[in-house]
């Protein structure tokens, strides 16, 4: 017979799972930006509108913020701070997405994908970022309110599986015939 799990313990475990996923996603994003520096600089200039001389510094700050948030998320005593930083990072990306959409620049490369697929900015990008901000906010709230448990090895494996599903969804959404009803 399995032992009973209290609601606070269940919420803490769920927050730890969310923190593990967010940390992996942020770390992967930072590594992707750093390993594709030239492409990332083009995104910072074209999508974010940062002038050329400031693009490198802006990109460095973005990578540092993502890595800092990822590191803080895995530390139970710093998880709330890491989640707040993660929410701020994704809220800034969300604001840039909304600005590009409102300026009718839907075809600009937002650098939002780990793959090579490119698709016009739209509801998928906005919804994804809203969900990421919301997840980070929920992890921050739970971690600040309750005792934040350590991330277990099984949660890291679960986070890796979620990251794989996240990447797969991103690639599926890039398939234009499925998204726009366009026949090949």
C-alpha atoms as a PDB file:
ATOM      1  CA  UNK A   1       0.000   0.000   0.000  1.00  0.00           C
ATOM      2  CA  UNK A   2       1.361   3.400  -0.906  1.00  0.00           C
ATOM      3  CA  UNK A   3       1.705   6.038   1.773  1.00  0.00           C
ATOM      4  CA  UNK A   4      -0.502   9.062   1.705  1.00  0.00           C
ATOM      5  CA  UNK A   5       0.916  12.260   0.318  1.00  0.00           C
ATOM      6  CA  UNK A   6      -0.227  15.526   1.831  1.00  0.00           C
ATOM      7  CA  UNK A   7      -1.308  18.390  -0.408  1.00  0.00           C
ATOM      8  CA  UNK A   8       1.669  20.570   0.585  1.00  0.00           C
ATOM      9  CA  UNK A   9       4.075  17.706  -0.135  1.00  0.00           C
ATOM     10  CA  UNK A  10       2.415  17.030  -3.498  1.00  0.00           C
ATOM     11  CA  UNK A  11       2.582  20.717  -4.450  1.00  0.00           C
ATOM     12  CA  UNK A  12       6.230  20.839  -3.398  1.00  0.00           C
ATOM     13  CA  UNK A  13       7.023  17.804  -5.542  1.00  0.00           C
ATOM     14  CA  UNK A  14       5.141  19.328  -8.482  1.00  0.00           C
ATOM     15  CA  UNK A  15       7.064  22.599  -8.051  1.00  0.00           C
ATOM     16  CA  UNK A  16      10.351  20.667  -7.962  1.00  0.00           C
ATOM     17  CA  UNK A  17       9.370  18.882 -11.191  1.00  0.00           C
ATOM     18  CA  UNK A  18       8.458  22.194 -12.804  1.00  0.00           C
ATOM     19  CA  UNK A  19      11.703  23.732 -11.580  1.00  0.00           C
ATOM     20  CA  UNK A  20      13.716  20.872 -13.075  1.00  0.00           C
ATOM     21  CA  UNK A  21      12.010  21.304 -16.461  1.00  0.00           C
ATOM     22  CA  UNK A  22      12.396  25.082 -16.453  1.00  0.00           C
ATOM     23  CA  UNK A  23      16.061  24.764 -15.442  1.00  0.00           C
ATOM     24  CA  UNK A  24      16.800  22.322 -18.275  1.00  0.00           C
ATOM     25  CA  UNK A  25      14.966  24.493 -20.786  1.00  0.00           C
ATOM     26  CA  UNK A  26      16.809  27.641 -19.673  1.00  0.00           C
ATOM     27  CA  UNK A  27      20.188  25.889 -19.679  1.00  0.00           C
ATOM     28  CA  UNK A  28      19.532  24.409 -23.134  1.00  0.00           C
ATOM     29  CA  UNK A  29      18.461  27.820 -24.408  1.00  0.00           C
ATOM     30  CA  UNK A  30      21.593  29.484 -23.030  1.00  0.00           C
ATOM     31  CA  UNK A  31      23.854  26.805 -24.502  1.00  0.00           C
ATOM     32  CA  UNK A  32      22.049  27.082 -27.837  1.00  0.00           C
ATOM     33  CA  UNK A  33      22.518  30.856 -27.911  1.00  0.00           C
ATOM     34  CA  UNK A  34      26.194  30.573 -26.963  1.00  0.00           C
ATOM     35  CA  UNK A  35      26.959  27.790 -29.440  1.00  0.00           C
ATOM     36  CA  UNK A  36      25.181  29.615 -32.277  1.00  0.00           C
ATOM     37  CA  UNK A  37      26.527  33.048 -31.374  1.00  0.00           C
ATOM     38  CA  UNK A  38      26.431  34.535 -34.883  1.00  0.00           C
ATOM     39  CA  UNK A  39      22.835  33.491 -35.470  1.00  0.00           C
ATOM     40  CA  UNK A  40      21.888  34.662 -31.996  1.00  0.00           C
ATOM     41  CA  UNK A  41      23.439  38.074 -32.690  1.00  0.00           C
ATOM     42  CA  UNK A  42      21.325  38.351 -35.844  1.00  0.00           C
ATOM     43  CA  UNK A  43      18.222  37.564 -33.780  1.00  0.00           C
ATOM     44  CA  UNK A  44      19.154  40.163 -31.157  1.00  0.00           C
ATOM     45  CA  UNK A  45      19.569  42.770 -33.887  1.00  0.00           C
ATOM     46  CA  UNK A  46      16.620  41.818 -36.111  1.00  0.00           C
ATOM     47  CA  UNK A  47      14.031  40.563 -33.629  1.00  0.00           C
ATOM     48  CA  UNK A  48      14.880  42.515 -30.487  1.00  0.00           C
ATOM     49  CA  UNK A  49      16.048  45.592 -32.389  1.00  0.00           C
ATOM     50  CA  UNK A  50      19.235  46.032 -30.400  1.00  0.00           C
ATOM     51  CA  UNK A  51      21.767  48.209 -32.266  1.00  0.00           C
ATOM     52  CA  UNK A  52      24.841  46.392 -33.574  1.00  0.00           C
ATOM     53  CA  UNK A  53      27.386  47.675 -31.037  1.00  0.00           C
ATOM     54  CA  UNK A  54      25.159  46.626 -28.103  1.00  0.00           C
ATOM     55  CA  UNK A  55      24.034  43.272 -29.505  1.00  0.00           C
ATOM     56  CA  UNK A  56      26.918  41.253 -28.058  1.00  0.00           C
ATOM     57  CA  UNK A  57      26.486  42.692 -24.582  1.00  0.00           C
ATOM     58  CA  UNK A  58      22.705  42.185 -24.734  1.00  0.00           C
ATOM     59  CA  UNK A  59      23.147  38.589 -25.833  1.00  0.00           C
ATOM     60  CA  UNK A  60      25.662  37.998 -23.047  1.00  0.00           C
ATOM     61  CA  UNK A  61      23.186  39.360 -20.494  1.00  0.00           C
ATOM     62  CA  UNK A  62      20.418  37.118 -21.865  1.00  0.00           C
ATOM     63  CA  UNK A  63      22.650  34.026 -21.675  1.00  0.00           C
ATOM     64  CA  UNK A  64      23.811  34.954 -18.163  1.00  0.00           C
ATOM     65  CA  UNK A  65      20.231  35.488 -16.958  1.00  0.00           C
ATOM     66  CA  UNK A  66      19.123  32.140 -18.387  1.00  0.00           C
ATOM     67  CA  UNK A  67      22.052  30.325 -16.775  1.00  0.00           C
ATOM     68  CA  UNK A  68      21.563  32.113 -13.452  1.00  0.00           C
ATOM     69  CA  UNK A  69      17.852  31.271 -13.399  1.00  0.00           C
ATOM     70  CA  UNK A  70      18.603  27.641 -14.289  1.00  0.00           C
ATOM     71  CA  UNK A  71      21.153  27.349 -11.506  1.00  0.00           C
ATOM     72  CA  UNK A  72      18.912  28.973  -8.915  1.00  0.00           C
ATOM     73  CA  UNK A  73      15.948  26.788  -9.859  1.00  0.00           C
ATOM     74  CA  UNK A  74      17.755  23.600  -8.853  1.00  0.00           C
ATOM     75  CA  UNK A  75      18.696  24.944  -5.419  1.00  0.00           C
ATOM     76  CA  UNK A  76      15.731  24.518  -3.052  1.00  0.00           C
ATOM     77  CA  UNK A  77      16.677  27.543  -0.951  1.00  0.00           C
ATOM     78  CA  UNK A  78      16.992  29.759  -4.062  1.00  0.00           C
ATOM     79  CA  UNK A  79      14.228  28.225  -6.190  1.00  0.00           C
ATOM     80  CA  UNK A  80      11.764  31.078  -5.706  1.00  0.00           C
ATOM     81  CA  UNK A  81      14.377  33.622  -6.838  1.00  0.00           C
ATOM     82  CA  UNK A  82      15.298  31.476  -9.840  1.00  0.00           C
ATOM     83  CA  UNK A  83      11.657  31.096 -10.796  1.00  0.00           C
ATOM     84  CA  UNK A  84      11.071  34.849 -10.560  1.00  0.00           C
ATOM     85  CA  UNK A  85      14.124  35.466 -12.763  1.00  0.00           C
ATOM     86  CA  UNK A  86      12.880  32.829 -15.234  1.00  0.00           C
ATOM     87  CA  UNK A  87       9.436  34.460 -15.320  1.00  0.00           C
ATOM     88  CA  UNK A  88      11.055  37.841 -16.001  1.00  0.00           C
ATOM     89  CA  UNK A  89      13.192  36.399 -18.810  1.00  0.00           C
ATOM     90  CA  UNK A  90      10.178  34.805 -20.500  1.00  0.00           C
ATOM     91  CA  UNK A  91       8.038  37.886 -19.904  1.00  0.00           C
ATOM     92  CA  UNK A  92      10.676  39.967 -21.699  1.00  0.00           C
ATOM     93  CA  UNK A  93      10.674  37.490 -24.607  1.00  0.00           C
ATOM     94  CA  UNK A  94       6.861  37.595 -24.598  1.00  0.00           C
ATOM     95  CA  UNK A  95       6.917  41.393 -24.794  1.00  0.00           C
ATOM     96  CA  UNK A  96       9.303  41.203 -27.772  1.00  0.00           C
ATOM     97  CA  UNK A  97       7.036  38.649 -29.474  1.00  0.00           C
ATOM     98  CA  UNK A  98       3.968  40.812 -28.980  1.00  0.00           C
ATOM     99  CA  UNK A  99       5.809  43.886 -30.235  1.00  0.00           C
ATOM    100  CA  UNK A 100       6.903  42.064 -33.403  1.00  0.00           C
ATOM    101  CA  UNK A 101       3.376  40.769 -34.019  1.00  0.00           C
ATOM    102  CA  UNK A 102       1.823  44.188 -33.440  1.00  0.00           C
ATOM    103  CA  UNK A 103       4.382  45.727 -35.824  1.00  0.00           C
ATOM    104  CA  UNK A 104       3.376  43.115 -38.420  1.00  0.00           C
ATOM    105  CA  UNK A 105       6.864  41.581 -38.377  1.00  0.00           C
ATOM    106  CA  UNK A 106       5.595  38.000 -38.104  1.00  0.00           C
ATOM    107  CA  UNK A 107       8.293  36.585 -40.372  1.00  0.00           C
ATOM    108  CA  UNK A 108      11.231  37.823 -38.287  1.00  0.00           C
ATOM    109  CA  UNK A 109      13.358  35.065 -36.725  1.00  0.00           C
ATOM    110  CA  UNK A 110      12.715  35.188 -32.982  1.00  0.00           C
ATOM    111  CA  UNK A 111      15.327  32.567 -32.153  1.00  0.00           C
ATOM    112  CA  UNK A 112      12.583  30.728 -30.272  1.00  0.00           C
ATOM    113  CA  UNK A 113      13.421  27.274 -31.604  1.00  0.00           C
ATOM    114  CA  UNK A 114      16.251  24.840 -31.085  1.00  0.00           C
ATOM    115  CA  UNK A 115      15.688  23.490 -34.586  1.00  0.00           C
ATOM    116  CA  UNK A 116      16.090  24.965 -38.018  1.00  0.00           C
ATOM    117  CA  UNK A 117      12.378  25.254 -38.690  1.00  0.00           C
ATOM    118  CA  UNK A 118      11.072  28.775 -39.049  1.00  0.00           C
ATOM    119  CA  UNK A 119       7.449  29.801 -38.942  1.00  0.00           C
ATOM    120  CA  UNK A 120       5.648  33.117 -38.727  1.00  0.00           C
ATOM    121  CA  UNK A 121       5.114  34.436 -35.215  1.00  0.00           C
ATOM    122  CA  UNK A 122       1.630  33.906 -33.891  1.00  0.00           C
ATOM    123  CA  UNK A 123      -0.618  32.366 -31.286  1.00  0.00           C
ATOM    124  CA  UNK A 124       1.635  29.348 -30.696  1.00  0.00           C
ATOM    125  CA  UNK A 125       4.612  31.527 -29.723  1.00  0.00           C
ATOM    126  CA  UNK A 126       2.526  33.770 -27.508  1.00  0.00           C
ATOM    127  CA  UNK A 127       0.748  30.856 -25.813  1.00  0.00           C
ATOM    128  CA  UNK A 128       4.014  29.004 -25.248  1.00  0.00           C
ATOM    129  CA  UNK A 129       5.581  32.027 -23.564  1.00  0.00           C
ATOM    130  CA  UNK A 130       2.479  32.731 -21.482  1.00  0.00           C
ATOM    131  CA  UNK A 131       2.606  29.114 -20.258  1.00  0.00           C
ATOM    132  CA  UNK A 132       6.319  29.400 -19.459  1.00  0.00           C
ATOM    133  CA  UNK A 133       5.775  32.636 -17.517  1.00  0.00           C
ATOM    134  CA  UNK A 134       2.833  31.027 -15.708  1.00  0.00           C
ATOM    135  CA  UNK A 135       4.787  27.886 -14.865  1.00  0.00           C
ATOM    136  CA  UNK A 136       7.688  29.922 -13.527  1.00  0.00           C
ATOM    137  CA  UNK A 137       5.288  32.081 -11.490  1.00  0.00           C
ATOM    138  CA  UNK A 138       3.617  28.979 -10.047  1.00  0.00           C
ATOM    139  CA  UNK A 139       6.994  27.483  -9.106  1.00  0.00           C
ATOM    140  CA  UNK A 140       7.995  30.803  -7.512  1.00  0.00           C
ATOM    141  CA  UNK A 141       4.755  31.006  -5.517  1.00  0.00           C
ATOM    142  CA  UNK A 142       4.911  27.420  -4.305  1.00  0.00           C
ATOM    143  CA  UNK A 143       8.608  27.661  -3.483  1.00  0.00           C
ATOM    144  CA  UNK A 144       8.142  30.884  -1.527  1.00  0.00           C
ATOM    145  CA  UNK A 145       5.061  29.567   0.274  1.00  0.00           C
ATOM    146  CA  UNK A 146       6.086  26.022   1.125  1.00  0.00           C
ATOM    147  CA  UNK A 147       9.234  24.091   1.866  1.00  0.00           C
ATOM    148  CA  UNK A 148      10.952  23.523  -1.478  1.00  0.00           C
ATOM    149  CA  UNK A 149      12.165  19.927  -1.734  1.00  0.00           C
ATOM    150  CA  UNK A 150      15.351  19.025  -3.566  1.00  0.00           C
ATOM    151  CA  UNK A 151      15.000  17.966  -7.191  1.00  0.00           C
ATOM    152  CA  UNK A 152      15.134  14.168  -7.296  1.00  0.00           C
ATOM    153  CA  UNK A 153      16.960  12.197  -9.985  1.00  0.00           C
ATOM    154  CA  UNK A 154      13.647  10.876 -11.276  1.00  0.00           C
ATOM    155  CA  UNK A 155      12.451  14.474 -11.675  1.00  0.00           C
ATOM    156  CA  UNK A 156      15.522  15.292 -13.760  1.00  0.00           C
ATOM    157  CA  UNK A 157      14.652  12.353 -16.014  1.00  0.00           C
ATOM    158  CA  UNK A 158      11.049  13.547 -16.174  1.00  0.00           C
ATOM    159  CA  UNK A 159      12.279  17.050 -17.016  1.00  0.00           C
ATOM    160  CA  UNK A 160      14.429  15.645 -19.826  1.00  0.00           C
ATOM    161  CA  UNK A 161      11.378  13.839 -21.209  1.00  0.00           C
ATOM    162  CA  UNK A 162       9.335  17.055 -21.006  1.00  0.00           C
ATOM    163  CA  UNK A 163      12.136  18.933 -22.783  1.00  0.00           C
ATOM    164  CA  UNK A 164      12.096  16.333 -25.573  1.00  0.00           C
ATOM    165  CA  UNK A 165       8.314  16.716 -25.900  1.00  0.00           C
ATOM    166  CA  UNK A 166       8.723  20.508 -25.888  1.00  0.00           C
ATOM    167  CA  UNK A 167      11.208  20.257 -28.767  1.00  0.00           C
ATOM    168  CA  UNK A 168       8.993  17.822 -30.665  1.00  0.00           C
ATOM    169  CA  UNK A 169       5.965  20.095 -30.299  1.00  0.00           C
ATOM    170  CA  UNK A 170       8.037  22.997 -31.574  1.00  0.00           C
ATOM    171  CA  UNK A 171       8.975  21.034 -34.687  1.00  0.00           C
ATOM    172  CA  UNK A 172       5.427  19.768 -35.273  1.00  0.00           C
ATOM    173  CA  UNK A 173       4.079  23.310 -35.044  1.00  0.00           C
ATOM    174  CA  UNK A 174       6.575  24.347 -37.718  1.00  0.00           C
ATOM    175  CA  UNK A 175       4.914  22.063 -40.258  1.00  0.00           C
ATOM    176  CA  UNK A 176       3.080  24.626 -42.358  1.00  0.00           C
ATOM    177  CA  UNK A 177       0.476  22.290 -43.894  1.00  0.00           C
ATOM    178  CA  UNK A 178      -0.654  21.269 -40.401  1.00  0.00           C
ATOM    179  CA  UNK A 179      -0.774  24.845 -39.149  1.00  0.00           C
ATOM    180  CA  UNK A 180      -2.159  26.752 -42.096  1.00  0.00           C
ATOM    181  CA  UNK A 181      -4.066  24.127 -44.030  1.00  0.00           C
ATOM    182  CA  UNK A 182      -1.784  24.725 -47.000  1.00  0.00           C
ATOM    183  CA  UNK A 183      -1.401  21.797 -49.343  1.00  0.00           C
ATOM    184  CA  UNK A 184       2.040  20.932 -50.638  1.00  0.00           C
END
